[in-house]
């Protein structure tokens, strides 16, 4: 099992980032993939999810700002993040959704300066 998230970085509030996650075939065969995040001192939370057919859902906190997409041929899921806020600062992970696998990978750090 491999989950390689990338694309994070330091950005000013109001800026944008695009995250990518390359998943192993066994994980990506799950119908729905999701992005999760964990801020310091907080529990990991679901941010967005997308089915194999492209149906997406979002946490209320990111609706209208984040867009999830996937490329089934490349076993990759993306998260376009616009209008970033300081409270979006967290380590972002991808995994199957709503029941994530035990393995999370290293995630990618997103830091939004206010």
PDB file of N, CA and C in Angstrom:
ATOM      1  N   UNK A   1       0.850  -1.188   0.000  1.00  0.00           N
ATOM      2  CA  UNK A   1       0.000   0.000   0.000  1.00  0.00           C
ATOM      3  C   UNK A   1       0.885   1.236   0.000  1.00  0.00           C
ATOM      4  N   UNK A   2       0.606   2.143  -0.928  1.00  0.00           N
ATOM      5  CA  UNK A   2       1.354   3.401  -0.971  1.00  0.00           C
ATOM      6  C   UNK A   2       0.383   4.551  -1.165  1.00  0.00           C
ATOM      7  N   UNK A   3       0.567   5.594  -0.388  1.00  0.00           N
ATOM      8  CA  UNK A   3      -0.203   6.824  -0.504  1.00  0.00           C
ATOM      9  C   UNK A   3       0.793   7.969  -0.426  1.00  0.00           C
ATOM     10  N   UNK A   4       1.102   8.559  -1.562  1.00  0.00           N
ATOM     11  CA  UNK A   4       2.118   9.602  -1.638  1.00  0.00           C
ATOM     12  C   UNK A   4       1.450  10.941  -1.926  1.00  0.00           C
ATOM     13  N   UNK A   5       1.284  11.728  -0.865  1.00  0.00           N
ATOM     14  CA  UNK A   5       0.689  13.056  -1.012  1.00  0.00           C
ATOM     15  C   UNK A   5       1.783  14.087  -1.243  1.00  0.00           C
ATOM     16  N   UNK A   6       1.501  15.071  -2.092  1.00  0.00           N
ATOM     17  CA  UNK A   6       2.475  16.115  -2.389  1.00  0.00           C
ATOM     18  C   UNK A   6       1.749  17.401  -2.762  1.00  0.00           C
ATOM     19  N   UNK A   7       2.517  18.481  -2.861  1.00  0.00           N
ATOM     20  CA  UNK A   7       1.951  19.746  -3.305  1.00  0.00           C
ATOM     21  C   UNK A   7       1.728  20.769  -2.217  1.00  0.00           C
ATOM     22  N   UNK A   8       1.973  20.388  -0.984  1.00  0.00           N
ATOM     23  CA  UNK A   8       1.789  21.333   0.112  1.00  0.00           C
ATOM     24  C   UNK A   8       2.871  22.397   0.119  1.00  0.00           C
ATOM     25  N   UNK A   9       2.721  23.348   1.031  1.00  0.00           N
ATOM     26  CA  UNK A   9       3.705  24.407   1.129  1.00  0.00           C
ATOM     27  C   UNK A   9       3.199  25.536   1.993  1.00  0.00           C
ATOM     28  N   UNK A  10       3.929  26.632   1.939  1.00  0.00           N
ATOM     29  CA  UNK A  10       3.569  27.836   2.684  1.00  0.00           C
ATOM     30  C   UNK A  10       2.933  28.832   1.717  1.00  0.00           C
ATOM     31  N   UNK A  11       1.765  29.323   2.080  1.00  0.00           N
ATOM     32  CA  UNK A  11       1.048  30.254   1.217  1.00  0.00           C
ATOM     33  C   UNK A  11       0.363  31.301   2.073  1.00  0.00           C
ATOM     34  N   UNK A  12       0.193  32.478   1.524  1.00  0.00           N
ATOM     35  CA  UNK A  12      -0.512  33.525   2.246  1.00  0.00           C
ATOM     36  C   UNK A  12      -2.015  33.298   2.196  1.00  0.00           C
ATOM     37  N   UNK A  13      -2.703  33.806   3.177  1.00  0.00           N
ATOM     38  CA  UNK A  13      -4.158  33.730   3.186  1.00  0.00           C
ATOM     39  C   UNK A  13      -4.704  34.309   1.881  1.00  0.00           C
ATOM     40  N   UNK A  14      -5.679  33.618   1.326  1.00  0.00           N
ATOM     41  CA  UNK A  14      -6.242  34.012   0.049  1.00  0.00           C
ATOM     42  C   UNK A  14      -5.592  33.338  -1.140  1.00  0.00           C
ATOM     43  N   UNK A  15      -4.492  32.664  -0.910  1.00  0.00           N
ATOM     44  CA  UNK A  15      -3.774  31.996  -1.984  1.00  0.00           C
ATOM     45  C   UNK A  15      -4.338  30.630  -2.313  1.00  0.00           C
ATOM     46  N   UNK A  16      -3.634  29.932  -3.214  1.00  0.00           N
ATOM     47  CA  UNK A  16      -4.091  28.629  -3.696  1.00  0.00           C
ATOM     48  C   UNK A  16      -2.963  27.610  -3.680  1.00  0.00           C
ATOM     49  N   UNK A  17      -3.355  26.364  -3.556  1.00  0.00           N
ATOM     50  CA  UNK A  17      -2.442  25.238  -3.687  1.00  0.00           C
ATOM     51  C   UNK A  17      -3.198  24.090  -4.339  1.00  0.00           C
ATOM     52  N   UNK A  18      -2.446  23.237  -5.007  1.00  0.00           N
ATOM     53  CA  UNK A  18      -3.045  22.022  -5.573  1.00  0.00           C
ATOM     54  C   UNK A  18      -2.285  20.819  -5.038  1.00  0.00           C
ATOM     55  N   UNK A  19      -2.994  19.975  -4.331  1.00  0.00           N
ATOM     56  CA  UNK A  19      -2.405  18.770  -3.774  1.00  0.00           C
ATOM     57  C   UNK A  19      -2.642  17.591  -4.704  1.00  0.00           C
ATOM     58  N   UNK A  20      -1.697  16.671  -4.697  1.00  0.00           N
ATOM     59  CA  UNK A  20      -1.826  15.438  -5.462  1.00  0.00           C
ATOM     60  C   UNK A  20      -1.554  14.263  -4.542  1.00  0.00           C
ATOM     61  N   UNK A  21      -2.169  13.141  -4.832  1.00  0.00           N
ATOM     62  CA  UNK A  21      -1.916  11.930  -4.061  1.00  0.00           C
ATOM     63  C   UNK A  21      -1.914  10.743  -5.013  1.00  0.00           C
ATOM     64  N   UNK A  22      -0.761  10.120  -5.115  1.00  0.00           N
ATOM     65  CA  UNK A  22      -0.625   8.913  -5.920  1.00  0.00           C
ATOM     66  C   UNK A  22      -0.867   7.712  -5.020  1.00  0.00           C
ATOM     67  N   UNK A  23      -1.825   6.903  -5.379  1.00  0.00           N
ATOM     68  CA  UNK A  23      -2.216   5.760  -4.545  1.00  0.00           C
ATOM     69  C   UNK A  23      -1.913   4.452  -5.250  1.00  0.00           C
ATOM     70  N   UNK A  24      -1.604   3.442  -4.456  1.00  0.00           N
ATOM     71  CA  UNK A  24      -1.377   2.117  -5.023  1.00  0.00           C
ATOM     72  C   UNK A  24      -2.692   1.562  -5.553  1.00  0.00           C
ATOM     73  N   UNK A  25      -2.581   0.649  -6.490  1.00  0.00           N
ATOM     74  CA  UNK A  25      -3.782   0.139  -7.132  1.00  0.00           C
ATOM     75  C   UNK A  25      -4.770  -0.468  -6.173  1.00  0.00           C
ATOM     76  N   UNK A  26      -4.257  -1.135  -5.132  1.00  0.00           N
ATOM     77  CA  UNK A  26      -5.174  -1.821  -4.221  1.00  0.00           C
ATOM     78  C   UNK A  26      -6.032  -0.829  -3.459  1.00  0.00           C
ATOM     79  N   UNK A  27      -5.452   0.323  -3.140  1.00  0.00           N
ATOM     80  CA  UNK A  27      -6.218   1.368  -2.451  1.00  0.00           C
ATOM     81  C   UNK A  27      -7.170   2.028  -3.423  1.00  0.00           C
ATOM     82  N   UNK A  28      -6.676   2.330  -4.601  1.00  0.00           N
ATOM     83  CA  UNK A  28      -7.467   3.115  -5.535  1.00  0.00           C
ATOM     84  C   UNK A  28      -8.636   2.337  -6.078  1.00  0.00           C
ATOM     85  N   UNK A  29      -8.637   1.040  -5.882  1.00  0.00           N
ATOM     86  CA  UNK A  29      -9.771   0.258  -6.350  1.00  0.00           C
ATOM     87  C   UNK A  29     -11.004   0.500  -5.494  1.00  0.00           C
ATOM     88  N   UNK A  30     -10.811   1.088  -4.311  1.00  0.00           N
ATOM     89  CA  UNK A  30     -11.965   1.461  -3.520  1.00  0.00           C
ATOM     90  C   UNK A  30     -12.786   2.477  -4.307  1.00  0.00           C
ATOM     91  N   UNK A  31     -14.066   2.400  -4.178  1.00  0.00           N
ATOM     92  CA  UNK A  31     -14.912   3.269  -4.977  1.00  0.00           C
ATOM     93  C   UNK A  31     -14.666   4.742  -4.685  1.00  0.00           C
ATOM     94  N   UNK A  32     -14.515   5.079  -3.422  1.00  0.00           N
ATOM     95  CA  UNK A  32     -14.416   6.486  -3.061  1.00  0.00           C
ATOM     96  C   UNK A  32     -13.091   6.773  -2.366  1.00  0.00           C
ATOM     97  N   UNK A  33     -12.428   7.841  -2.818  1.00  0.00           N
ATOM     98  CA  UNK A  33     -11.193   8.317  -2.206  1.00  0.00           C
ATOM     99  C   UNK A  33     -11.465   9.671  -1.566  1.00  0.00           C
ATOM    100  N   UNK A  34     -10.741   9.938  -0.511  1.00  0.00           N
ATOM    101  CA  UNK A  34     -10.959  11.196   0.183  1.00  0.00           C
ATOM    102  C   UNK A  34      -9.671  11.870   0.587  1.00  0.00           C
ATOM    103  N   UNK A  35      -9.790  13.166   0.827  1.00  0.00           N
ATOM    104  CA  UNK A  35      -8.716  13.934   1.449  1.00  0.00           C
ATOM    105  C   UNK A  35      -9.112  14.196   2.899  1.00  0.00           C
ATOM    106  N   UNK A  36      -8.130  14.059   3.763  1.00  0.00           N
ATOM    107  CA  UNK A  36      -8.303  14.306   5.179  1.00  0.00           C
ATOM    108  C   UNK A  36      -7.235  15.310   5.610  1.00  0.00           C
ATOM    109  N   UNK A  37      -7.423  15.912   6.758  1.00  0.00           N
ATOM    110  CA  UNK A  37      -6.395  16.809   7.287  1.00  0.00           C
ATOM    111  C   UNK A  37      -6.360  16.713   8.809  1.00  0.00           C
ATOM    112  N   UNK A  38      -5.191  17.010   9.341  1.00  0.00           N
ATOM    113  CA  UNK A  38      -5.026  17.014  10.792  1.00  0.00           C
ATOM    114  C   UNK A  38      -4.216  18.234  11.190  1.00  0.00           C
ATOM    115  N   UNK A  39      -4.849  19.121  11.920  1.00  0.00           N
ATOM    116  CA  UNK A  39      -4.176  20.309  12.428  1.00  0.00           C
ATOM    117  C   UNK A  39      -3.544  19.983  13.774  1.00  0.00           C
ATOM    118  N   UNK A  40      -2.538  20.736  14.186  1.00  0.00           N
ATOM    119  CA  UNK A  40      -1.877  20.480  15.468  1.00  0.00           C
ATOM    120  C   UNK A  40      -2.872  20.478  16.617  1.00  0.00           C
ATOM    121  N   UNK A  41      -2.820  19.416  17.416  1.00  0.00           N
ATOM    122  CA  UNK A  41      -3.680  19.335  18.584  1.00  0.00           C
ATOM    123  C   UNK A  41      -5.120  18.978  18.294  1.00  0.00           C
ATOM    124  N   UNK A  42      -5.424  18.658  17.038  1.00  0.00           N
ATOM    125  CA  UNK A  42      -6.799  18.325  16.666  1.00  0.00           C
ATOM    126  C   UNK A  42      -6.873  16.940  16.056  1.00  0.00           C
ATOM    127  N   UNK A  43      -8.072  16.401  16.034  1.00  0.00           N
ATOM    128  CA  UNK A  43      -8.275  15.095  15.414  1.00  0.00           C
ATOM    129  C   UNK A  43      -8.275  15.224  13.892  1.00  0.00           C
ATOM    130  N   UNK A  44      -7.939  14.143  13.248  1.00  0.00           N
ATOM    131  CA  UNK A  44      -7.984  14.112  11.798  1.00  0.00           C
ATOM    132  C   UNK A  44      -9.439  14.233  11.348  1.00  0.00           C
ATOM    133  N   UNK A  45      -9.667  15.016  10.299  1.00  0.00           N
ATOM    134  CA  UNK A  45     -11.018  15.214   9.811  1.00  0.00           C
ATOM    135  C   UNK A  45     -11.079  15.033   8.304  1.00  0.00           C
ATOM    136  N   UNK A  46     -12.254  14.659   7.839  1.00  0.00           N
ATOM    137  CA  UNK A  46     -12.478  14.509   6.415  1.00  0.00           C
ATOM    138  C   UNK A  46     -12.690  15.876   5.789  1.00  0.00           C
ATOM    139  N   UNK A  47     -12.084  16.093   4.632  1.00  0.00           N
ATOM    140  CA  UNK A  47     -12.193  17.368   3.931  1.00  0.00           C
ATOM    141  C   UNK A  47     -13.077  17.242   2.693  1.00  0.00           C
ATOM    142  N   UNK A  48     -12.808  16.214   1.908  1.00  0.00           N
ATOM    143  CA  UNK A  48     -13.550  16.028   0.659  1.00  0.00           C
ATOM    144  C   UNK A  48     -13.408  14.585   0.219  1.00  0.00           C
ATOM    145  N   UNK A  49     -14.348  14.136  -0.580  1.00  0.00           N
ATOM    146  CA  UNK A  49     -14.300  12.773  -1.089  1.00  0.00           C
ATOM    147  C   UNK A  49     -14.877  12.740  -2.495  1.00  0.00           C
ATOM    148  N   UNK A  50     -14.430  11.752  -3.278  1.00  0.00           N
ATOM    149  CA  UNK A  50     -14.913  11.639  -4.648  1.00  0.00           C
ATOM    150  C   UNK A  50     -15.050  10.174  -5.017  1.00  0.00           C
ATOM    151  N   UNK A  51     -16.165   9.830  -5.611  1.00  0.00           N
ATOM    152  CA  UNK A  51     -16.397   8.449  -6.027  1.00  0.00           C
ATOM    153  C   UNK A  51     -15.663   8.170  -7.332  1.00  0.00           C
ATOM    154  N   UNK A  52     -15.619   6.915  -7.698  1.00  0.00           N
ATOM    155  CA  UNK A  52     -14.976   6.543  -8.958  1.00  0.00           C
ATOM    156  C   UNK A  52     -15.675   7.221 -10.137  1.00  0.00           C
ATOM    157  N   UNK A  53     -16.951   7.447 -10.003  1.00  0.00           N
ATOM    158  CA  UNK A  53     -17.705   8.079 -11.075  1.00  0.00           C
ATOM    159  C   UNK A  53     -17.636   9.583 -11.072  1.00  0.00           C
ATOM    160  N   UNK A  54     -17.026  10.167 -10.031  1.00  0.00           N
ATOM    161  CA  UNK A  54     -16.846  11.615 -10.011  1.00  0.00           C
ATOM    162  C   UNK A  54     -17.766  12.384  -9.087  1.00  0.00           C
ATOM    163  N   UNK A  55     -18.622  11.705  -8.369  1.00  0.00           N
ATOM    164  CA  UNK A  55     -19.482  12.406  -7.417  1.00  0.00           C
ATOM    165  C   UNK A  55     -18.655  12.821  -6.209  1.00  0.00           C
ATOM    166  N   UNK A  56     -18.780  14.094  -5.842  1.00  0.00           N
ATOM    167  CA  UNK A  56     -17.946  14.644  -4.781  1.00  0.00           C
ATOM    168  C   UNK A  56     -18.780  15.170  -3.631  1.00  0.00           C
ATOM    169  N   UNK A  57     -18.190  15.155  -2.456  1.00  0.00           N
ATOM    170  CA  UNK A  57     -18.798  15.817  -1.313  1.00  0.00           C
ATOM    171  C   UNK A  57     -17.704  16.497  -0.512  1.00  0.00           C
ATOM    172  N   UNK A  58     -18.101  17.541   0.224  1.00  0.00           N
ATOM    173  CA  UNK A  58     -17.150  18.391   0.909  1.00  0.00           C
ATOM    174  C   UNK A  58     -17.594  18.694   2.325  1.00  0.00           C
ATOM    175  N   UNK A  59     -16.615  18.893   3.189  1.00  0.00           N
ATOM    176  CA  UNK A  59     -16.915  19.412   4.512  1.00  0.00           C
ATOM    177  C   UNK A  59     -17.435  20.842   4.362  1.00  0.00           C
ATOM    178  N   UNK A  60     -18.321  21.254   5.237  1.00  0.00           N
ATOM    179  CA  UNK A  60     -18.893  22.596   5.150  1.00  0.00           C
ATOM    180  C   UNK A  60     -17.814  23.676   5.176  1.00  0.00           C
ATOM    181  N   UNK A  61     -16.748  23.423   5.894  1.00  0.00           N
ATOM    182  CA  UNK A  61     -15.703  24.425   6.072  1.00  0.00           C
ATOM    183  C   UNK A  61     -14.934  24.722   4.779  1.00  0.00           C
ATOM    184  N   UNK A  62     -15.029  23.841   3.782  1.00  0.00           N
ATOM    185  CA  UNK A  62     -14.257  24.046   2.552  1.00  0.00           C
ATOM    186  C   UNK A  62     -15.136  24.180   1.312  1.00  0.00           C
ATOM    187  N   UNK A  63     -16.430  24.039   1.477  1.00  0.00           N
ATOM    188  CA  UNK A  63     -17.331  24.140   0.327  1.00  0.00           C
ATOM    189  C   UNK A  63     -17.166  25.474  -0.375  1.00  0.00           C
ATOM    190  N   UNK A  64     -17.090  25.411  -1.695  1.00  0.00           N
ATOM    191  CA  UNK A  64     -16.935  26.621  -2.479  1.00  0.00           C
ATOM    192  C   UNK A  64     -15.501  27.076  -2.631  1.00  0.00           C
ATOM    193  N   UNK A  65     -14.593  26.484  -1.873  1.00  0.00           N
ATOM    194  CA  UNK A  65     -13.180  26.882  -1.946  1.00  0.00           C
ATOM    195  C   UNK A  65     -12.296  25.747  -2.458  1.00  0.00           C
ATOM    196  N   UNK A  66     -12.628  24.518  -2.105  1.00  0.00           N
ATOM    197  CA  UNK A  66     -11.830  23.353  -2.487  1.00  0.00           C
ATOM    198  C   UNK A  66     -12.566  22.546  -3.552  1.00  0.00           C
ATOM    199  N   UNK A  67     -11.788  21.940  -4.437  1.00  0.00           N
ATOM    200  CA  UNK A  67     -12.350  21.062  -5.460  1.00  0.00           C
ATOM    201  C   UNK A  67     -11.528  19.787  -5.530  1.00  0.00           C
ATOM    202  N   UNK A  68     -12.195  18.650  -5.363  1.00  0.00           N
ATOM    203  CA  UNK A  68     -11.524  17.353  -5.446  1.00  0.00           C
ATOM    204  C   UNK A  68     -11.752  16.756  -6.824  1.00  0.00           C
ATOM    205  N   UNK A  69     -10.742  16.085  -7.335  1.00  0.00           N
ATOM    206  CA  UNK A  69     -10.867  15.405  -8.626  1.00  0.00           C
ATOM    207  C   UNK A  69      -9.982  14.165  -8.600  1.00  0.00           C
ATOM    208  N   UNK A  70     -10.136  13.311  -9.590  1.00  0.00           N
ATOM    209  CA  UNK A  70      -9.314  12.103  -9.640  1.00  0.00           C
ATOM    210  C   UNK A  70      -9.068  11.705 -11.080  1.00  0.00           C
ATOM    211  N   UNK A  71      -7.951  11.028 -11.275  1.00  0.00           N
ATOM    212  CA  UNK A  71      -7.594  10.454 -12.572  1.00  0.00           C
ATOM    213  C   UNK A  71      -7.439   8.961 -12.335  1.00  0.00           C
ATOM    214  N   UNK A  72      -8.453   8.205 -12.688  1.00  0.00           N
ATOM    215  CA  UNK A  72      -8.430   6.767 -12.422  1.00  0.00           C
ATOM    216  C   UNK A  72      -7.310   6.065 -13.164  1.00  0.00           C
ATOM    217  N   UNK A  73      -6.971   6.543 -14.340  1.00  0.00           N
ATOM    218  CA  UNK A  73      -5.908   5.915 -15.116  1.00  0.00           C
ATOM    219  C   UNK A  73      -4.551   6.089 -14.447  1.00  0.00           C
ATOM    220  N   UNK A  74      -4.397   7.176 -13.711  1.00  0.00           N
ATOM    221  CA  UNK A  74      -3.111   7.447 -13.045  1.00  0.00           C
ATOM    222  C   UNK A  74      -3.154   7.106 -11.558  1.00  0.00           C
ATOM    223  N   UNK A  75      -4.273   6.570 -11.098  1.00  0.00           N
ATOM    224  CA  UNK A  75      -4.417   6.260  -9.666  1.00  0.00           C
ATOM    225  C   UNK A  75      -4.064   7.466  -8.802  1.00  0.00           C
ATOM    226  N   UNK A  76      -4.536   8.620  -9.205  1.00  0.00           N
ATOM    227  CA  UNK A  76      -4.185   9.863  -8.518  1.00  0.00           C
ATOM    228  C   UNK A  76      -5.439  10.654  -8.200  1.00  0.00           C
ATOM    229  N   UNK A  77      -5.434  11.226  -7.017  1.00  0.00           N
ATOM    230  CA  UNK A  77      -6.531  12.105  -6.599  1.00  0.00           C
ATOM    231  C   UNK A  77      -5.931  13.475  -6.291  1.00  0.00           C
ATOM    232  N   UNK A  78      -6.681  14.521  -6.616  1.00  0.00           N
ATOM    233  CA  UNK A  78      -6.192  15.887  -6.485  1.00  0.00           C
ATOM    234  C   UNK A  78      -7.107  16.693  -5.557  1.00  0.00           C
ATOM    235  N   UNK A  79      -6.540  17.748  -5.009  1.00  0.00           N
ATOM    236  CA  UNK A  79      -7.346  18.691  -4.227  1.00  0.00           C
ATOM    237  C   UNK A  79      -6.886  20.102  -4.574  1.00  0.00           C
ATOM    238  N   UNK A  80      -7.724  20.818  -5.301  1.00  0.00           N
ATOM    239  CA  UNK A  80      -7.458  22.213  -5.606  1.00  0.00           C
ATOM    240  C   UNK A  80      -8.014  23.058  -4.470  1.00  0.00           C
ATOM    241  N   UNK A  81      -7.137  23.830  -3.846  1.00  0.00           N
ATOM    242  CA  UNK A  81      -7.538  24.635  -2.694  1.00  0.00           C
ATOM    243  C   UNK A  81      -7.368  26.105  -3.028  1.00  0.00           C
ATOM    244  N   UNK A  82      -8.461  26.825  -3.034  1.00  0.00           N
ATOM    245  CA  UNK A  82      -8.446  28.248  -3.310  1.00  0.00           C
ATOM    246  C   UNK A  82      -8.917  29.031  -2.080  1.00  0.00           C
ATOM    247  N   UNK A  83      -8.659  30.320  -2.086  1.00  0.00           N
ATOM    248  CA  UNK A  83      -9.085  31.196  -0.985  1.00  0.00           C
ATOM    249  C   UNK A  83      -8.695  30.603   0.365  1.00  0.00           C
ATOM    250  N   UNK A  84      -7.470  30.177   0.466  1.00  0.00           N
ATOM    251  CA  UNK A  84      -7.012  29.501   1.685  1.00  0.00           C
ATOM    252  C   UNK A  84      -7.071  30.424   2.882  1.00  0.00           C
ATOM    253  N   UNK A  85      -7.392  29.825   4.022  1.00  0.00           N
ATOM    254  CA  UNK A  85      -7.495  30.537   5.285  1.00  0.00           C
ATOM    255  C   UNK A  85      -6.480  29.965   6.269  1.00  0.00           C
ATOM    256  N   UNK A  86      -6.177  30.745   7.288  1.00  0.00           N
ATOM    257  CA  UNK A  86      -5.221  30.281   8.290  1.00  0.00           C
ATOM    258  C   UNK A  86      -5.678  28.963   8.901  1.00  0.00           C
ATOM    259  N   UNK A  87      -6.973  28.810   9.090  1.00  0.00           N
ATOM    260  CA  UNK A  87      -7.491  27.593   9.713  1.00  0.00           C
ATOM    261  C   UNK A  87      -7.408  26.360   8.807  1.00  0.00           C
ATOM    262  N   UNK A  88      -6.976  26.546   7.563  1.00  0.00           N
ATOM    263  CA  UNK A  88      -6.727  25.400   6.696  1.00  0.00           C
ATOM    264  C   UNK A  88      -5.350  24.788   6.943  1.00  0.00           C
ATOM    265  N   UNK A  89      -4.556  25.411   7.771  1.00  0.00           N
ATOM    266  CA  UNK A  89      -3.231  24.901   8.087  1.00  0.00           C
ATOM    267  C   UNK A  89      -3.340  23.523   8.730  1.00  0.00           C
ATOM    268  N   UNK A  90      -2.670  22.534   8.143  1.00  0.00           N
ATOM    269  CA  UNK A  90      -2.755  21.159   8.621  1.00  0.00           C
ATOM    270  C   UNK A  90      -1.858  20.283   7.754  1.00  0.00           C
ATOM    271  N   UNK A  91      -1.697  19.045   8.177  1.00  0.00           N
ATOM    272  CA  UNK A  91      -1.114  18.027   7.312  1.00  0.00           C
ATOM    273  C   UNK A  91      -2.273  17.345   6.586  1.00  0.00           C
ATOM    274  N   UNK A  92      -2.162  17.270   5.274  1.00  0.00           N
ATOM    275  CA  UNK A  92      -3.221  16.719   4.439  1.00  0.00           C
ATOM    276  C   UNK A  92      -2.829  15.310   3.965  1.00  0.00           C
ATOM    277  N   UNK A  93      -3.789  14.419   4.028  1.00  0.00           N
ATOM    278  CA  UNK A  93      -3.606  13.028   3.640  1.00  0.00           C
ATOM    279  C   UNK A  93      -4.712  12.602   2.685  1.00  0.00           C
ATOM    280  N   UNK A  94      -4.428  11.589   1.889  1.00  0.00           N
ATOM    281  CA  UNK A  94      -5.507  10.954   1.141  1.00  0.00           C
ATOM    282  C   UNK A  94      -5.634   9.518   1.609  1.00  0.00           C
ATOM    283  N   UNK A  95      -6.805   8.960   1.424  1.00  0.00           N
ATOM    284  CA  UNK A  95      -7.066   7.582   1.824  1.00  0.00           C
ATOM    285  C   UNK A  95      -8.432   7.212   1.281  1.00  0.00           C
ATOM    286  N   UNK A  96      -8.793   5.966   1.417  1.00  0.00           N
ATOM    287  CA  UNK A  96     -10.134   5.564   1.019  1.00  0.00           C
ATOM    288  C   UNK A  96     -11.142   6.224   1.965  1.00  0.00           C
ATOM    289  N   UNK A  97     -12.360   6.332   1.507  1.00  0.00           N
ATOM    290  CA  UNK A  97     -13.404   7.060   2.254  1.00  0.00           C
ATOM    291  C   UNK A  97     -14.701   6.298   2.165  1.00  0.00           C
ATOM    292  N   UNK A  98     -15.514   6.195   3.178  1.00  0.00           N
ATOM    293  CA  UNK A  98     -15.365   6.800   4.503  1.00  0.00           C
ATOM    294  C   UNK A  98     -14.586   5.970   5.500  1.00  0.00           C
ATOM    295  N   UNK A  99     -14.164   4.796   5.067  1.00  0.00           N
ATOM    296  CA  UNK A  99     -13.404   3.911   5.962  1.00  0.00           C
ATOM    297  C   UNK A  99     -11.958   3.848   5.506  1.00  0.00           C
ATOM    298  N   UNK A 100     -11.105   4.690   6.045  1.00  0.00           N
ATOM    299  CA  UNK A 100      -9.719   4.739   5.582  1.00  0.00           C
ATOM    300  C   UNK A 100      -8.938   3.494   5.968  1.00  0.00           C
ATOM    301  N   UNK A 101      -7.962   3.165   5.125  1.00  0.00           N
ATOM    302  CA  UNK A 101      -7.058   2.064   5.446  1.00  0.00           C
ATOM    303  C   UNK A 101      -6.171   2.465   6.623  1.00  0.00           C
ATOM    304  N   UNK A 102      -5.580   1.478   7.262  1.00  0.00           N
ATOM    305  CA  UNK A 102      -4.732   1.746   8.432  1.00  0.00           C
ATOM    306  C   UNK A 102      -3.497   2.573   8.059  1.00  0.00           C
ATOM    307  N   UNK A 103      -2.991   2.383   6.850  1.00  0.00           N
ATOM    308  CA  UNK A 103      -1.786   3.090   6.419  1.00  0.00           C
ATOM    309  C   UNK A 103      -2.158   4.463   5.873  1.00  0.00           C
ATOM    310  N   UNK A 104      -1.476   5.523   6.376  1.00  0.00           N
ATOM    311  CA  UNK A 104      -1.815   6.881   5.981  1.00  0.00           C
ATOM    312  C   UNK A 104      -0.762   7.571   5.137  1.00  0.00           C
ATOM    313  N   UNK A 105       0.402   7.076   5.089  1.00  0.00           N
ATOM    314  CA  UNK A 105       1.467   7.788   4.398  1.00  0.00           C
ATOM    315  C   UNK A 105       1.912   9.003   5.207  1.00  0.00           C
ATOM    316  N   UNK A 106       2.835   9.796   4.657  1.00  0.00           N
ATOM    317  CA  UNK A 106       3.397  10.918   5.397  1.00  0.00           C
ATOM    318  C   UNK A 106       2.548  12.173   5.304  1.00  0.00           C
ATOM    319  N   UNK A 107       1.680  12.255   4.344  1.00  0.00           N
ATOM    320  CA  UNK A 107       0.889  13.457   4.173  1.00  0.00           C
ATOM    321  C   UNK A 107       1.737  14.593   3.618  1.00  0.00           C
ATOM    322  N   UNK A 108       1.094  15.738   3.428  1.00  0.00           N
ATOM    323  CA  UNK A 108       1.799  16.918   2.941  1.00  0.00           C
ATOM    324  C   UNK A 108       1.356  18.130   3.768  1.00  0.00           C
ATOM    325  N   UNK A 109       2.325  18.904   4.213  1.00  0.00           N
ATOM    326  CA  UNK A 109       2.038  20.021   5.111  1.00  0.00           C
ATOM    327  C   UNK A 109       1.554  21.234   4.319  1.00  0.00           C
ATOM    328  N   UNK A 110       0.455  21.792   4.761  1.00  0.00           N
ATOM    329  CA  UNK A 110      -0.063  23.048   4.210  1.00  0.00           C
ATOM    330  C   UNK A 110      -0.052  24.071   5.333  1.00  0.00           C
ATOM    331  N   UNK A 111       0.627  25.168   5.100  1.00  0.00           N
ATOM    332  CA  UNK A 111       0.690  26.231   6.094  1.00  0.00           C
ATOM    333  C   UNK A 111       0.210  27.525   5.455  1.00  0.00           C
ATOM    334  N   UNK A 112      -0.814  28.116   6.056  1.00  0.00           N
ATOM    335  CA  UNK A 112      -1.392  29.352   5.526  1.00  0.00           C
ATOM    336  C   UNK A 112      -1.087  30.478   6.507  1.00  0.00           C
ATOM    337  N   UNK A 113      -0.354  31.450   6.042  1.00  0.00           N
ATOM    338  CA  UNK A 113      -0.008  32.575   6.903  1.00  0.00           C
ATOM    339  C   UNK A 113      -1.097  33.645   6.808  1.00  0.00           C
ATOM    340  N   UNK A 114      -1.432  34.200   7.957  1.00  0.00           N
ATOM    341  CA  UNK A 114      -2.506  35.205   7.994  1.00  0.00           C
ATOM    342  C   UNK A 114      -1.952  36.608   7.879  1.00  0.00           C
TER     343      UNK A 114
END
